[in-house]
C-alpha atoms as a PDB file:
ATOM      1  CA  MET A   1      -5.361 -47.661 -19.281  1.00  0.00           C
ATOM      2  CA  SER A   2      -5.347 -45.858 -15.928  1.00  0.00           C
ATOM      3  CA  LEU A   3      -3.381 -42.690 -15.208  1.00  0.00           C
ATOM      4  CA  ARG A   4      -1.403 -42.551 -11.979  1.00  0.00           C
ATOM      5  CA  LEU A   5      -0.655 -39.225 -10.334  1.00  0.00           C
ATOM      6  CA  ASP A   6       3.004 -38.863  -9.427  1.00  0.00           C
ATOM      7  CA  HIS A   7       2.794 -37.433  -5.920  1.00  0.00           C
ATOM      8  CA  SER A   8       6.553 -37.016  -5.736  1.00  0.00           C
ATOM      9  CA  LEU A   9       6.408 -34.446  -8.524  1.00  0.00           C
ATOM     10  CA  LEU A  10       3.665 -32.555  -6.716  1.00  0.00           C
ATOM     11  CA  ASP A  11       5.616 -32.670  -3.463  1.00  0.00           C
ATOM     12  CA  ASN A  12       8.757 -31.388  -5.183  1.00  0.00           C
ATOM     13  CA  SER A  13       6.799 -28.571  -6.819  1.00  0.00           C
ATOM     14  CA  ALA A  14       5.256 -27.508  -3.498  1.00  0.00           C
ATOM     15  CA  ALA A  15       8.634 -27.665  -1.776  1.00  0.00           C
ATOM     16  CA  GLY A  16      10.211 -25.541  -4.501  1.00  0.00           C
ATOM     17  CA  ALA A  17       7.478 -22.927  -4.202  1.00  0.00           C
ATOM     18  CA  SER A  18       7.904 -22.853  -0.437  1.00  0.00           C
ATOM     19  CA  ARG A  19      11.662 -22.334  -0.775  1.00  0.00           C
ATOM     20  CA  LEU A  20      11.140 -19.544  -3.297  1.00  0.00           C
ATOM     21  CA  LEU A  21       8.687 -17.759  -1.000  1.00  0.00           C
ATOM     22  CA  THR A  22      10.970 -18.123   2.034  1.00  0.00           C
ATOM     23  CA  GLU A  23      14.054 -16.921   0.164  1.00  0.00           C
ATOM     24  CA  THR A  24      12.249 -13.960  -1.422  1.00  0.00           C
ATOM     25  CA  ARG A  25      10.972 -12.812   1.953  1.00  0.00           C
ATOM     26  CA  ARG A  26      14.388 -13.314   3.567  1.00  0.00           C
ATOM     27  CA  ARG A  27      16.155 -11.187   0.991  1.00  0.00           C
ATOM     28  CA  ALA A  28      13.531  -8.446   1.158  1.00  0.00           C
ATOM     29  CA  SER A  29      13.628  -8.340   4.964  1.00  0.00           C
ATOM     30  CA  GLY A  30      17.298  -7.370   4.811  1.00  0.00           C
ATOM     31  CA  ARG A  31      16.607  -4.278   2.705  1.00  0.00           C
ATOM     32  CA  ARG A  32      15.539  -0.914   4.102  1.00  0.00           C
ATOM     33  CA  PHE A  33      13.609   1.718   2.202  1.00  0.00           C
ATOM     34  CA  GLY A  34      12.150   4.802   3.856  1.00  0.00           C
ATOM     35  CA  PRO A  35       9.794   5.984   5.079  1.00  0.00           C
ATOM     36  CA  THR A  36       9.218   3.035   7.394  1.00  0.00           C
ATOM     37  CA  GLY A  37       5.616   3.722   8.434  1.00  0.00           C
ATOM     38  CA  THR A  38       2.579   2.031   6.926  1.00  0.00           C
ATOM     39  CA  VAL A  39      -1.145   2.355   7.600  1.00  0.00           C
ATOM     40  CA  ARG A  40      -2.959  -0.535   5.901  1.00  0.00           C
ATOM     41  CA  CYS A  41      -0.198  -3.132   5.608  1.00  0.00           C
ATOM     42  CA  THR A  42      -1.068  -6.395   7.332  1.00  0.00           C
ATOM     43  CA  GLY A  43       1.856  -8.506   8.462  1.00  0.00           C
ATOM     44  CA  ARG A  44       5.469  -7.469   8.208  1.00  0.00           C
ATOM     45  CA  PRO A  45       6.373  -4.798   5.627  1.00  0.00           C
ATOM     46  CA  ALA A  46       9.103  -6.114   3.313  1.00  0.00           C
ATOM     47  CA  PHE A  47      10.049  -4.601  -0.037  1.00  0.00           C
ATOM     48  CA  ARG A  48      12.525  -5.986  -2.553  1.00  0.00           C
ATOM     49  CA  SER A  49      13.010  -2.643  -4.306  1.00  0.00           C
ATOM     50  CA  ALA A  50      12.618   1.091  -3.777  1.00  0.00           C
ATOM     51  CA  LEU A  51       9.948   1.078  -6.486  1.00  0.00           C
ATOM     52  CA  ALA A  52       7.943  -1.518  -4.544  1.00  0.00           C
ATOM     53  CA  ARG A  53       8.206   0.666  -1.432  1.00  0.00           C
ATOM     54  CA  ASP A  54       6.875   3.608  -3.420  1.00  0.00           C
ATOM     55  CA  LEU A  55       3.946   1.548  -4.658  1.00  0.00           C
ATOM     56  CA  GLY A  56       3.208   0.587  -1.051  1.00  0.00           C
ATOM     57  CA  LEU A  57       3.021   4.290  -0.178  1.00  0.00           C
ATOM     58  CA  LEU A  58       0.408   4.822  -2.871  1.00  0.00           C
ATOM     59  CA  LEU A  59      -1.615   1.830  -1.663  1.00  0.00           C
ATOM     60  CA  ASP A  60      -1.850   3.417   1.786  1.00  0.00           C
ATOM     61  CA  LEU A  61      -3.329   6.568   0.249  1.00  0.00           C
ATOM     62  CA  ASP A  62      -5.657   4.813  -2.215  1.00  0.00           C
ATOM     63  CA  PRO A  63      -9.259   5.188  -0.934  1.00  0.00           C
ATOM     64  CA  ASP A  64     -10.282   1.986  -2.728  1.00  0.00           C
ATOM     65  CA  VAL A  65      -7.738  -0.133  -0.802  1.00  0.00           C
ATOM     66  CA  SER A  66      -8.830  -1.780   2.438  1.00  0.00           C
ATOM     67  CA  GLU A  67      -5.535  -3.538   3.246  1.00  0.00           C
ATOM     68  CA  TRP A  68      -2.429  -4.958   1.609  1.00  0.00           C
ATOM     69  CA  SER A  69       0.337  -7.423   2.396  1.00  0.00           C
ATOM     70  CA  CYS A  70       3.861  -7.912   1.107  1.00  0.00           C
ATOM     71  CA  LEU A  71       5.270 -10.902  -0.810  1.00  0.00           C
ATOM     72  CA  PRO A  72       2.128 -12.939  -0.141  1.00  0.00           C
ATOM     73  CA  ALA A  73       2.405 -16.164  -2.166  1.00  0.00           C
ATOM     74  CA  VAL A  74       3.887 -17.912  -5.185  1.00  0.00           C
ATOM     75  CA  LEU A  75       2.022 -17.403  -8.462  1.00  0.00           C
ATOM     76  CA  GLU A  76       2.381 -19.231 -11.751  1.00  0.00           C
ATOM     77  CA  LEU A  77       2.900 -16.545 -14.379  1.00  0.00           C
ATOM     78  CA  ALA A  78       3.524 -16.919 -18.085  1.00  0.00           C
ATOM     79  CA  ASN A  79       6.121 -14.917 -19.995  1.00  0.00           C
ATOM     80  CA  ARG A  80       5.710 -13.659 -23.566  1.00  0.00           C
ATOM     81  CA  ASP A  81       6.912 -16.999 -24.924  1.00  0.00           C
ATOM     82  CA  GLY A  82       4.247 -18.873 -22.976  1.00  0.00           C
ATOM     83  CA  GLU A  83       6.709 -20.376 -20.502  1.00  0.00           C
ATOM     84  CA  VAL A  84       5.213 -20.691 -17.007  1.00  0.00           C
ATOM     85  CA  LEU A  85       7.369 -19.342 -14.194  1.00  0.00           C
ATOM     86  CA  ASP A  86       6.992 -19.211 -10.429  1.00  0.00           C
ATOM     87  CA  ARG A  87       7.047 -15.673  -9.023  1.00  0.00           C
ATOM     88  CA  VAL A  88       6.320 -14.013  -5.706  1.00  0.00           C
ATOM     89  CA  PRO A  89       4.457 -10.744  -6.473  1.00  0.00           C
ATOM     90  CA  ASP A  90       5.178  -7.640  -4.434  1.00  0.00           C
ATOM     91  CA  PHE A  91       1.685  -7.271  -2.970  1.00  0.00           C
ATOM     92  CA  LEU A  92      -1.701  -8.816  -2.360  1.00  0.00           C
ATOM     93  CA  VAL A  93      -4.255  -5.996  -2.212  1.00  0.00           C
ATOM     94  CA  ARG A  94      -7.762  -6.246  -0.819  1.00  0.00           C
ATOM     95  CA  GLU A  95     -10.112  -3.544  -2.031  1.00  0.00           C
ATOM     96  CA  GLU A  96     -12.998  -1.994  -0.118  1.00  0.00           C
ATOM     97  CA  ASP A  97     -15.494  -4.034  -2.153  1.00  0.00           C
ATOM     98  CA  GLY A  98     -13.775  -7.274  -1.087  1.00  0.00           C
ATOM     99  CA  ARG A  99     -12.001  -8.034  -4.357  1.00  0.00           C
ATOM    100  CA  GLU A 100      -8.363  -9.102  -4.218  1.00  0.00           C
ATOM    101  CA  ARG A 101      -5.548  -8.559  -6.700  1.00  0.00           C
ATOM    102  CA  PHE A 102      -1.818  -9.205  -6.887  1.00  0.00           C
ATOM    103  CA  LEU A 103       0.485  -6.347  -7.853  1.00  0.00           C
ATOM    104  CA  ASP A 104       4.107  -6.106  -8.933  1.00  0.00           C
ATOM    105  CA  ALA A 105       6.049  -2.848  -9.017  1.00  0.00           C
ATOM    106  CA  GLY A 106       7.454  -2.266 -12.502  1.00  0.00           C
ATOM    107  CA  GLU A 107       6.985  -4.058 -15.785  1.00  0.00           C
ATOM    108  CA  THR A 108       7.487  -7.829 -15.602  1.00  0.00           C
ATOM    109  CA  GLY A 109       6.128  -8.946 -18.983  1.00  0.00           C
ATOM    110  CA  LEU A 110       4.213 -11.693 -17.153  1.00  0.00           C
ATOM    111  CA  THR A 111       0.555 -12.676 -17.130  1.00  0.00           C
ATOM    112  CA  PRO A 112      -1.283 -15.172 -14.904  1.00  0.00           C
ATOM    113  CA  ALA A 113      -1.222 -18.759 -16.110  1.00  0.00           C
ATOM    114  CA  ASP A 114      -4.665 -19.037 -14.505  1.00  0.00           C
ATOM    115  CA  PRO A 115      -6.930 -16.348 -16.043  1.00  0.00           C
ATOM    116  CA  SER A 116      -9.063 -16.253 -12.897  1.00  0.00           C
ATOM    117  CA  VAL A 117      -6.136 -14.735 -10.947  1.00  0.00           C
ATOM    118  CA  ALA A 118      -6.170 -10.925 -10.809  1.00  0.00           C
ATOM    119  CA  TYR A 119      -2.589  -9.759 -11.370  1.00  0.00           C
ATOM    120  CA  ARG A 120      -1.056  -6.553 -12.678  1.00  0.00           C
ATOM    121  CA  ALA A 121       2.454  -5.191 -13.075  1.00  0.00           C
ATOM    122  CA  VAL A 122       2.273  -1.446 -12.391  1.00  0.00           C
ATOM    123  CA  PRO A 123       4.605   0.608 -14.634  1.00  0.00           C
ATOM    124  CA  GLU A 124       7.121   2.906 -12.987  1.00  0.00           C
ATOM    125  CA  ASP A 125       5.588   6.027 -14.494  1.00  0.00           C
ATOM    126  CA  GLU A 126       2.280   5.226 -12.735  1.00  0.00           C
ATOM    127  CA  ILE A 127       4.072   4.910  -9.406  1.00  0.00           C
ATOM    128  CA  ARG A 128       6.353   7.936  -9.609  1.00  0.00           C
ATOM    129  CA  LEU A 129       3.485  10.383 -10.039  1.00  0.00           C
ATOM    130  CA  GLU A 130       3.880  13.852  -8.546  1.00  0.00           C
ATOM    131  CA  PRO A 131       2.823  15.454  -6.295  1.00  0.00           C
ATOM    132  CA  LEU A 132       1.126  12.262  -5.075  1.00  0.00           C
ATOM    133  CA  LEU A 133       4.313  10.324  -4.318  1.00  0.00           C
ATOM    134  CA  SER A 134       6.033  13.226  -2.536  1.00  0.00           C
ATOM    135  CA  ASN A 135       2.906  13.822  -0.464  1.00  0.00           C
ATOM    136  CA  ALA A 136       2.789  10.135   0.432  1.00  0.00           C
ATOM    137  CA  ARG A 137       6.411  10.183   1.579  1.00  0.00           C
ATOM    138  CA  ASP A 138       5.843  13.286   3.693  1.00  0.00           C
ATOM    139  CA  ALA A 139       2.579  12.016   5.166  1.00  0.00           C
ATOM    140  CA  MET A 140       3.890   8.591   6.132  1.00  0.00           C
ATOM    141  CA  ARG A 141       6.154  10.167   8.749  1.00  0.00           C
ATOM    142  CA  TYR A 142       2.968  10.421  10.818  1.00  0.00           C
ATOM    143  CA  ALA A 143       1.649   6.917  10.139  1.00  0.00           C
ATOM    144  CA  LYS A 144       2.070   5.768  13.753  1.00  0.00           C
ATOM    145  CA  ARG A 145       1.068   9.023  15.442  1.00  0.00           C
ATOM    146  CA  VAL A 146      -1.724   8.750  18.000  1.00  0.00           C
ATOM    147  CA  VAL A 147      -4.060  11.763  17.994  1.00  0.00           C
ATOM    148  CA  PRO A 148      -5.725  12.620  21.331  1.00  0.00           C
ATOM    149  CA  LEU A 149      -9.484  12.139  21.377  1.00  0.00           C
ATOM    150  CA  GLY A 150     -10.080  15.776  22.259  1.00  0.00           C
ATOM    151  CA  ASP A 151      -8.229  16.983  19.175  1.00  0.00           C
ATOM    152  CA  ARG A 152     -10.088  14.570  16.934  1.00  0.00           C
ATOM    153  CA  VAL A 153     -13.485  15.624  18.311  1.00  0.00           C
ATOM    154  CA  ARG A 154     -12.679  19.330  17.998  1.00  0.00           C
ATOM    155  CA  LEU A 155     -11.598  18.947  14.375  1.00  0.00           C
ATOM    156  CA  LEU A 156     -14.648  16.889  13.432  1.00  0.00           C
ATOM    157  CA  ALA A 157     -16.930  19.458  15.103  1.00  0.00           C
ATOM    158  CA  TYR A 158     -15.135  22.229  13.207  1.00  0.00           C
ATOM    159  CA  LEU A 159     -15.608  20.402   9.911  1.00  0.00           C
ATOM    160  CA  ALA A 160     -19.263  19.707  10.670  1.00  0.00           C
ATOM    161  CA  GLU A 161     -19.836  23.460  10.683  1.00  0.00           C
ATOM    162  CA  MET A 162     -17.586  24.340   7.760  1.00  0.00           C
ATOM    163  CA  SER A 163     -15.876  22.102   5.212  1.00  0.00           C
ATOM    164  CA  PRO A 164     -13.387  22.408   3.627  1.00  0.00           C
ATOM    165  CA  ILE A 165     -10.983  24.356   5.790  1.00  0.00           C
ATOM    166  CA  THR A 166      -7.280  24.911   5.240  1.00  0.00           C
ATOM    167  CA  LEU A 167      -4.606  22.741   6.819  1.00  0.00           C
ATOM    168  CA  VAL A 168      -3.515  25.670   8.986  1.00  0.00           C
ATOM    169  CA  GLU A 169      -7.077  26.148  10.242  1.00  0.00           C
ATOM    170  CA  ALA A 170      -7.421  22.424  10.939  1.00  0.00           C
ATOM    171  CA  ALA A 171      -4.126  22.442  12.842  1.00  0.00           C
ATOM    172  CA  SER A 172      -5.461  25.196  15.105  1.00  0.00           C
ATOM    173  CA  ALA A 173      -7.955  22.660  16.512  1.00  0.00           C
ATOM    174  CA  MET A 174      -5.108  20.338  17.568  1.00  0.00           C
ATOM    175  CA  ARG A 175      -4.580  21.800  21.061  1.00  0.00           C
ATOM    176  CA  GLU A 176      -3.335  18.619  22.752  1.00  0.00           C
ATOM    177  CA  SER A 177      -0.936  17.444  20.032  1.00  0.00           C
ATOM    178  CA  SER A 178       2.714  18.420  20.119  1.00  0.00           C
ATOM    179  CA  GLU A 179       2.823  18.655  16.298  1.00  0.00           C
ATOM    180  CA  PRO A 180      -0.590  19.961  15.143  1.00  0.00           C
ATOM    181  CA  VAL A 181      -0.031  19.635  11.386  1.00  0.00           C
ATOM    182  CA  GLY A 182       1.199  16.064  11.815  1.00  0.00           C
ATOM    183  CA  ALA A 183      -1.901  15.256  13.867  1.00  0.00           C
ATOM    184  CA  VAL A 184      -4.170  16.409  11.029  1.00  0.00           C
ATOM    185  CA  ILE A 185      -2.160  14.348   8.534  1.00  0.00           C
ATOM    186  CA  ALA A 186      -2.423  11.295  10.803  1.00  0.00           C
ATOM    187  CA  LEU A 187      -6.224  11.663  10.877  1.00  0.00           C
ATOM    188  CA  ALA A 188      -6.252  11.911   7.078  1.00  0.00           C
ATOM    189  CA  LEU A 189      -4.170   8.735   6.786  1.00  0.00           C
ATOM    190  CA  ARG A 190      -6.764   6.948   8.918  1.00  0.00           C
ATOM    191  CA  ARG A 191      -9.573   8.360   6.734  1.00  0.00           C
ATOM    192  CA  ILE A 192     -11.161  10.247   9.611  1.00  0.00           C
ATOM    193  CA  VAL A 193     -10.793  13.444   7.567  1.00  0.00           C
ATOM    194  CA  ARG A 194      -9.943  13.818   3.900  1.00  0.00           C
ATOM    195  CA  ILE A 195      -7.069  15.464   2.063  1.00  0.00           C
ATOM    196  CA  ASP A 196      -6.777  15.338  -1.713  1.00  0.00           C
ATOM    197  CA  TRP A 197      -3.221  14.045  -2.012  1.00  0.00           C
ATOM    198  CA  GLU A 198      -3.108  14.289  -5.818  1.00  0.00           C
ATOM    199  CA  ASP A 199      -4.064  17.945  -6.289  1.00  0.00           C
ATOM    200  CA  ALA A 200      -0.980  19.822  -5.078  1.00  0.00           C
ATOM    201  CA  GLN A 201       1.939  19.510  -2.710  1.00  0.00           C
ATOM    202  CA  ILE A 202       0.807  19.653   0.918  1.00  0.00           C
ATOM    203  CA  GLY A 203       1.034  23.199   2.264  1.00  0.00           C
ATOM    204  CA  PRO A 204      -0.698  25.745   4.513  1.00  0.00           C
ATOM    205  CA  GLU A 205      -3.668  26.158   2.156  1.00  0.00           C
ATOM    206  CA  THR A 206      -4.237  22.437   1.530  1.00  0.00           C
ATOM    207  CA  PRO A 207      -8.006  21.801   1.908  1.00  0.00           C
ATOM    208  CA  VAL A 208      -9.094  19.485   4.714  1.00  0.00           C
ATOM    209  CA  ARG A 209     -12.583  18.037   4.334  1.00  0.00           C
ATOM    210  CA  ALA A 210     -15.035  15.980   6.341  1.00  0.00           C
ATOM    211  CA  ARG A 211     -15.385  12.437   5.065  1.00  0.00           C
END
């Protein structure tokens, strides 16, 4: 007895997944959550919830994250009853070591139907951590800021002689930037210098270090 593959079922399944992905992205694109800047997001930023936006902020500050993208694909995930569902996760994250993982913001109660797929639902209490989240929101105002080469070189030379220095001292090296503190933050977002975002709320005495 030979088994025949029903291609129409496969075609319908692929079409359904494509519609789900398109509709999820369409709905998310109509929502706005601030701040709007990103640093390591590839493609168009689109968030279906404020919690997802907050998780995106943390991904930009995570030193282990190389890049991330929003609403990347349709995954088959199983619920607690073992039923397999199609879902578009909030993010695909690529780490500095090359590994990739899918993330959802908030508890979903779902696990990958394929155990080889790296997927995690990040609980809200892990996302709404302070002062990290507040620092991320403040810092992302400067995500698109371009720092003049002279300011960058002066700060790196300063740090080569003495590290750490305070944020106020680092800002004093920003002679060509209209907003010196923002210029230092922009360099930290691009990992040219280092600020420890988790230690305390950003202020005049925040340590700035060479990478």
